[in-house]
Protein backbone atom coordinates (compact mmCIF):
# COMPACT_ATOMS: atom_id res chain seq x y z
CA UNK A 1 111.41 88.21 95.22
CA UNK A 2 113.46 85.21 94.16
CA UNK A 3 112.75 82.69 97.17
CA UNK A 4 111.67 85.77 99.70
CA UNK A 5 109.51 84.17 102.25
CA UNK A 6 106.15 85.92 101.84
CA UNK A 7 103.45 85.75 104.72
CA UNK A 8 99.93 87.13 103.48
CA UNK A 9 96.99 87.09 105.26
CA UNK A 10 93.58 87.40 104.30
CA UNK A 11 94.96 85.58 101.15
CA UNK A 12 91.99 84.07 99.92
CA UNK A 13 90.15 87.24 99.20
CA UNK A 14 90.34 89.22 95.92
CA UNK A 15 93.05 91.89 96.60
CA UNK A 16 94.63 88.65 98.67
CA UNK A 17 94.72 86.68 95.60
CA UNK A 18 96.26 89.49 93.47
CA UNK A 19 99.27 89.65 96.20
CA UNK A 20 99.81 86.06 95.84
CA UNK A 21 100.01 86.42 92.12
CA UNK A 22 102.53 89.02 91.82
CA UNK A 23 104.61 87.34 94.39
CA UNK A 24 104.65 84.33 92.64
CA UNK A 25 105.42 85.81 89.09
CA UNK A 26 108.51 87.30 91.09
CA UNK A 27 109.31 84.38 92.10
CA UNK A 28 108.55 84.17 96.34
CA UNK A 29 107.52 81.63 97.89
CA UNK A 30 104.19 82.47 99.83
CA UNK A 31 102.21 81.35 102.55
CA UNK A 32 98.64 82.12 102.16
CA UNK A 33 97.13 82.69 105.64
CA UNK A 34 93.01 82.38 106.16
CA UNK A 35 90.21 80.90 108.04
CA UNK A 36 88.98 79.31 104.99
CA UNK A 37 91.19 76.20 103.79
CA UNK A 38 88.90 75.87 100.73
CA UNK A 39 89.26 78.98 99.28
CA UNK A 40 92.92 79.63 99.80
CA UNK A 41 93.54 76.16 97.98
CA UNK A 42 91.10 77.64 95.12
CA UNK A 43 93.59 80.55 95.17
CA UNK A 44 96.70 78.20 94.83
CA UNK A 45 94.91 75.93 91.90
CA UNK A 46 93.64 79.95 89.77
CA UNK A 47 97.39 81.03 90.67
CA UNK A 48 99.43 77.92 90.01
CA UNK A 49 103.09 77.41 90.64
CA UNK A 50 101.70 74.84 93.46
CA UNK A 51 105.48 74.03 94.37
CA UNK A 52 105.81 78.11 95.73
CA UNK A 53 102.82 78.02 97.57
CA UNK A 54 101.35 76.85 100.47
CA UNK A 55 98.01 77.72 102.57
CA UNK A 56 98.12 77.82 106.70
CA UNK A 57 94.76 77.55 108.62
CA UNK A 58 94.61 80.44 110.89
CA UNK A 59 92.43 82.84 113.29
CA UNK A 60 94.41 86.14 113.32
CA UNK A 61 92.09 87.18 116.22
CA UNK A 62 93.36 83.66 118.21
CA UNK A 63 96.66 84.91 119.29
CA UNK A 64 97.94 81.15 120.06
CA UNK A 65 97.08 80.23 116.54
CA UNK A 66 98.99 82.96 115.33
CA UNK A 67 101.67 82.14 117.37
CA UNK A 68 101.74 78.68 116.57
CA UNK A 69 101.54 79.23 112.57
CA UNK A 70 104.48 81.93 112.88
CA UNK A 71 106.54 79.51 114.92
CA UNK A 72 105.88 76.91 112.27
CA UNK A 73 106.60 78.90 108.95
CA UNK A 74 109.88 79.55 110.88
CA UNK A 75 110.52 75.90 111.46
CA UNK A 76 110.00 75.20 107.53
CA UNK A 77 111.32 78.19 106.01
CA UNK A 78 113.75 79.83 108.67
CA UNK A 79 112.70 83.09 107.89
CA UNK A 80 109.59 85.52 106.85
CA UNK A 81 111.19 88.44 104.87
CA UNK A 82 107.39 90.02 103.98
CA UNK A 83 104.84 90.22 105.88
CA UNK A 84 101.45 91.07 103.99
CA UNK A 85 98.60 92.65 106.61
CA UNK A 86 95.83 92.04 104.13
CA UNK A 87 92.72 90.40 106.76
CA UNK A 88 90.32 92.40 107.22
CA UNK A 89 86.56 92.79 107.48
CA UNK A 90 83.93 95.60 106.53
CA UNK A 91 80.37 95.40 107.00
CA UNK A 92 77.46 97.19 104.82
CA UNK A 93 77.35 100.67 105.77
CA UNK A 94 75.24 101.42 108.72
CA UNK A 95 74.50 104.42 111.01
CA UNK A 96 76.98 104.40 114.21
CA UNK A 97 74.18 104.73 116.13
CA UNK A 98 72.30 101.31 114.65
CA UNK A 99 75.50 99.24 114.57
CA UNK A 100 75.35 96.49 117.44
CA UNK A 101 77.98 96.11 119.88
CA UNK A 102 79.30 92.69 118.31
CA UNK A 103 80.13 94.60 115.31
CA UNK A 104 82.16 97.04 116.66
CA UNK A 105 83.79 94.57 118.79
CA UNK A 106 84.24 92.51 115.64
CA UNK A 107 85.52 94.87 112.96
CA UNK A 108 88.13 95.93 115.92
CA UNK A 109 89.21 92.90 117.17
CA UNK A 110 89.98 91.77 113.14
CA UNK A 111 91.23 95.01 111.71
CA UNK A 112 93.21 96.38 114.46
CA UNK A 113 93.76 93.24 116.76
CA UNK A 114 94.32 90.83 114.19
CA UNK A 115 96.87 92.77 112.67
CA UNK A 116 99.06 93.88 115.73
CA UNK A 117 98.96 89.98 116.83
CA UNK A 118 100.50 88.68 113.73
CA UNK A 119 102.83 91.50 113.16
CA UNK A 120 104.28 91.14 116.45
CA UNK A 121 104.85 87.73 115.82
CA UNK A 122 106.67 88.29 112.77
CA UNK A 123 108.88 90.79 114.31
CA UNK A 124 110.24 88.65 116.70
CA UNK A 125 111.70 86.72 113.85
CA UNK A 126 112.52 90.15 111.29
CA UNK A 127 114.46 91.28 114.55
CA UNK A 128 116.99 88.30 114.79
CA UNK A 129 117.39 88.91 111.27
CA UNK A 130 117.60 92.72 111.05
CA UNK A 131 115.76 92.64 107.67
CA UNK A 132 112.42 92.85 106.44
CA UNK A 133 109.50 94.11 104.73
CA UNK A 134 105.89 94.76 106.46
CA UNK A 135 103.07 95.95 104.29
CA UNK A 136 99.60 97.17 105.43
CA UNK A 137 96.78 97.36 103.27
CA UNK A 138 94.42 100.13 104.53
CA UNK A 139 91.81 101.98 102.81
CA UNK A 140 91.63 105.59 101.31
CA UNK A 141 88.29 105.87 103.60
CA UNK A 142 90.91 106.17 106.06
CA UNK A 143 91.51 109.70 105.28
CA UNK A 144 87.90 111.14 104.60
CA UNK A 145 83.99 110.34 105.19
CA UNK A 146 82.18 109.77 102.51
CA UNK A 147 78.66 110.96 102.52
CA UNK A 148 75.87 108.38 102.59
CA UNK A 149 78.83 105.91 103.44
CA UNK A 150 78.12 105.07 106.64
CA UNK A 151 81.87 103.23 107.69
CA UNK A 152 82.61 104.83 111.02
CA UNK A 153 84.05 102.05 112.32
CA UNK A 154 85.79 100.17 109.69
CA UNK A 155 87.36 103.66 108.49
CA UNK A 156 88.59 104.41 111.91
CA UNK A 157 90.12 101.24 112.04
CA UNK A 158 92.05 101.91 108.72
CA UNK A 159 93.16 105.50 110.55
CA UNK A 160 94.53 103.84 113.23
CA UNK A 161 96.45 101.10 110.97
CA UNK A 162 98.31 104.20 109.26
CA UNK A 163 99.47 105.67 112.56
CA UNK A 164 100.48 102.28 113.08
CA UNK A 165 102.29 101.90 109.96
CA UNK A 166 104.58 105.20 111.04
CA UNK A 167 105.20 103.70 114.33
CA UNK A 168 106.08 100.52 113.40
CA UNK A 169 108.63 102.50 110.69
CA UNK A 170 110.34 104.41 112.66
CA UNK A 171 110.37 102.03 115.85
CA UNK A 172 112.18 99.47 113.73
CA UNK A 173 114.24 101.34 110.94
CA UNK A 174 117.32 100.84 113.08
CA UNK A 175 117.04 97.31 112.34
CA UNK A 176 116.61 97.17 108.86
CA UNK A 177 112.89 96.57 108.75
CA UNK A 178 110.56 98.56 106.71
CA UNK A 179 106.96 99.15 106.97
CA UNK A 180 104.54 100.87 104.67
CA UNK A 181 100.67 101.32 104.19
CA UNK A 182 98.99 100.65 100.91
CA UNK A 183 95.43 102.43 100.77
CA UNK A 184 93.33 101.13 97.81
CA UNK A 185 90.18 103.17 96.54
CA UNK A 186 87.37 101.88 94.45
CA UNK A 187 88.54 98.40 93.69
CA UNK A 188 86.90 95.36 91.69
CA UNK A 189 86.76 92.96 94.71
CA UNK A 190 84.35 92.55 97.84
CA UNK A 191 81.59 93.71 98.66
CA UNK A 192 81.56 96.31 95.45
CA UNK A 193 81.61 93.54 92.69
CA UNK A 194 78.06 93.29 92.97
CA UNK A 195 77.32 96.94 92.49
CA UNK A 196 79.91 96.89 89.23
CA UNK A 197 78.11 94.17 87.64
CA UNK A 198 75.31 96.78 87.13
CA UNK A 199 76.41 98.66 83.92
CA UNK A 200 74.58 102.04 85.83
CA UNK A 201 76.06 101.86 88.88
CA UNK A 202 79.61 101.18 87.42
CA UNK A 203 79.33 104.10 85.27
CA UNK A 204 78.05 106.40 88.17
CA UNK A 205 81.43 105.22 90.15
CA UNK A 206 83.67 105.48 87.09
CA UNK A 207 82.41 108.99 86.57
CA UNK A 208 83.64 110.05 90.31
CA UNK A 209 87.52 108.87 89.23
CA UNK A 210 89.68 111.07 87.21
CA UNK A 211 91.28 107.88 85.51
CA UNK A 212 87.78 106.67 84.51
CA UNK A 213 87.94 103.49 85.55
CA UNK A 214 87.56 100.84 88.71
CA UNK A 215 90.69 99.36 90.18
CA UNK A 216 91.52 96.20 89.68
CA UNK A 217 93.16 94.12 92.53
CA UNK A 218 96.46 93.77 90.45
CA UNK A 219 96.45 97.56 90.90
CA UNK A 220 97.12 97.18 94.46
CA UNK A 221 99.00 94.47 94.25
CA UNK A 222 101.57 96.37 92.30
CA UNK A 223 101.62 98.77 94.79
CA UNK A 224 102.36 95.82 97.37
CA UNK A 225 104.95 94.25 95.24
CA UNK A 226 107.24 97.64 95.24
CA UNK A 227 106.95 98.46 99.12
CA UNK A 228 107.71 94.29 99.79
CA UNK A 229 111.19 94.48 97.31
CA UNK A 230 114.11 96.07 97.33
CA UNK A 231 113.30 98.88 94.83
CA UNK A 232 111.51 100.69 97.75
CA UNK A 233 114.87 99.92 100.27
CA UNK A 234 114.79 103.65 101.47
CA UNK A 235 111.04 103.97 101.78
CA UNK A 236 109.73 103.50 105.33
CA UNK A 237 106.50 104.84 107.27
CA UNK A 238 104.93 105.62 104.07
CA UNK A 239 101.12 105.67 102.22
CA UNK A 240 100.63 105.31 99.04
CA UNK A 241 96.46 105.70 97.79
CA UNK A 242 96.28 103.63 94.54
CA UNK A 243 92.61 105.22 93.79
CA UNK A 244 92.66 106.44 90.01
CA UNK A 245 93.32 110.16 91.40
CA UNK A 246 90.30 110.15 93.66
CA UNK A 247 91.72 111.64 96.66
CA UNK A 248 93.97 114.07 94.64
CA UNK A 249 90.68 115.44 93.14
CA UNK A 250 88.35 115.25 96.20
CA UNK A 251 90.72 115.80 99.33
């Protein structure tokens, strides 16, 4: 990954920070993308190696902002070797019929249309160079519905991401551009963190995992690093579940 230029959306999140950290450790130059500059700068300080990271504010649902940001990256660095589509939103579990239309639209706008917009902009550069790796961050909820956890819209967007991964992989394979997807399971990040502060709640979640522990952002980041690197140069269109064996045990 030495001196590869990597763009990570949703970089201020826990998983985003984990990906930034692993890329920097392997010598990459990392552009952090998010709407929250303060949060991104905090990530950069925690990661260290400030000279190998830069924060860029961008709303991925605003196509003109996306195009401007990608053009700026190309102007400054000459290329984008790796794109990690990590930006996404999940709401508290709610029965589908009780969701506001604005909530539904926002999930789709960020999780799908935002990903489409960034990927399309970056592919312009990758096709010129006939080189690149795209890694999408999905979810194991794209493969199964969880009783009493009502996430119909979120899960649907992540299922769509899986098909998008395969489609882009096949469409751009002849141009030496790969696209893969990492599906995290129960990870110590985001909305689930407050539950993990409760020892009993943590114990219940851990009991459902064959490996007996909750995943960490670094577990996801390691999988992302593999797909981003040349170690996976003959792998494309693949979805990898990083879930401590849960999908294997529960289908």
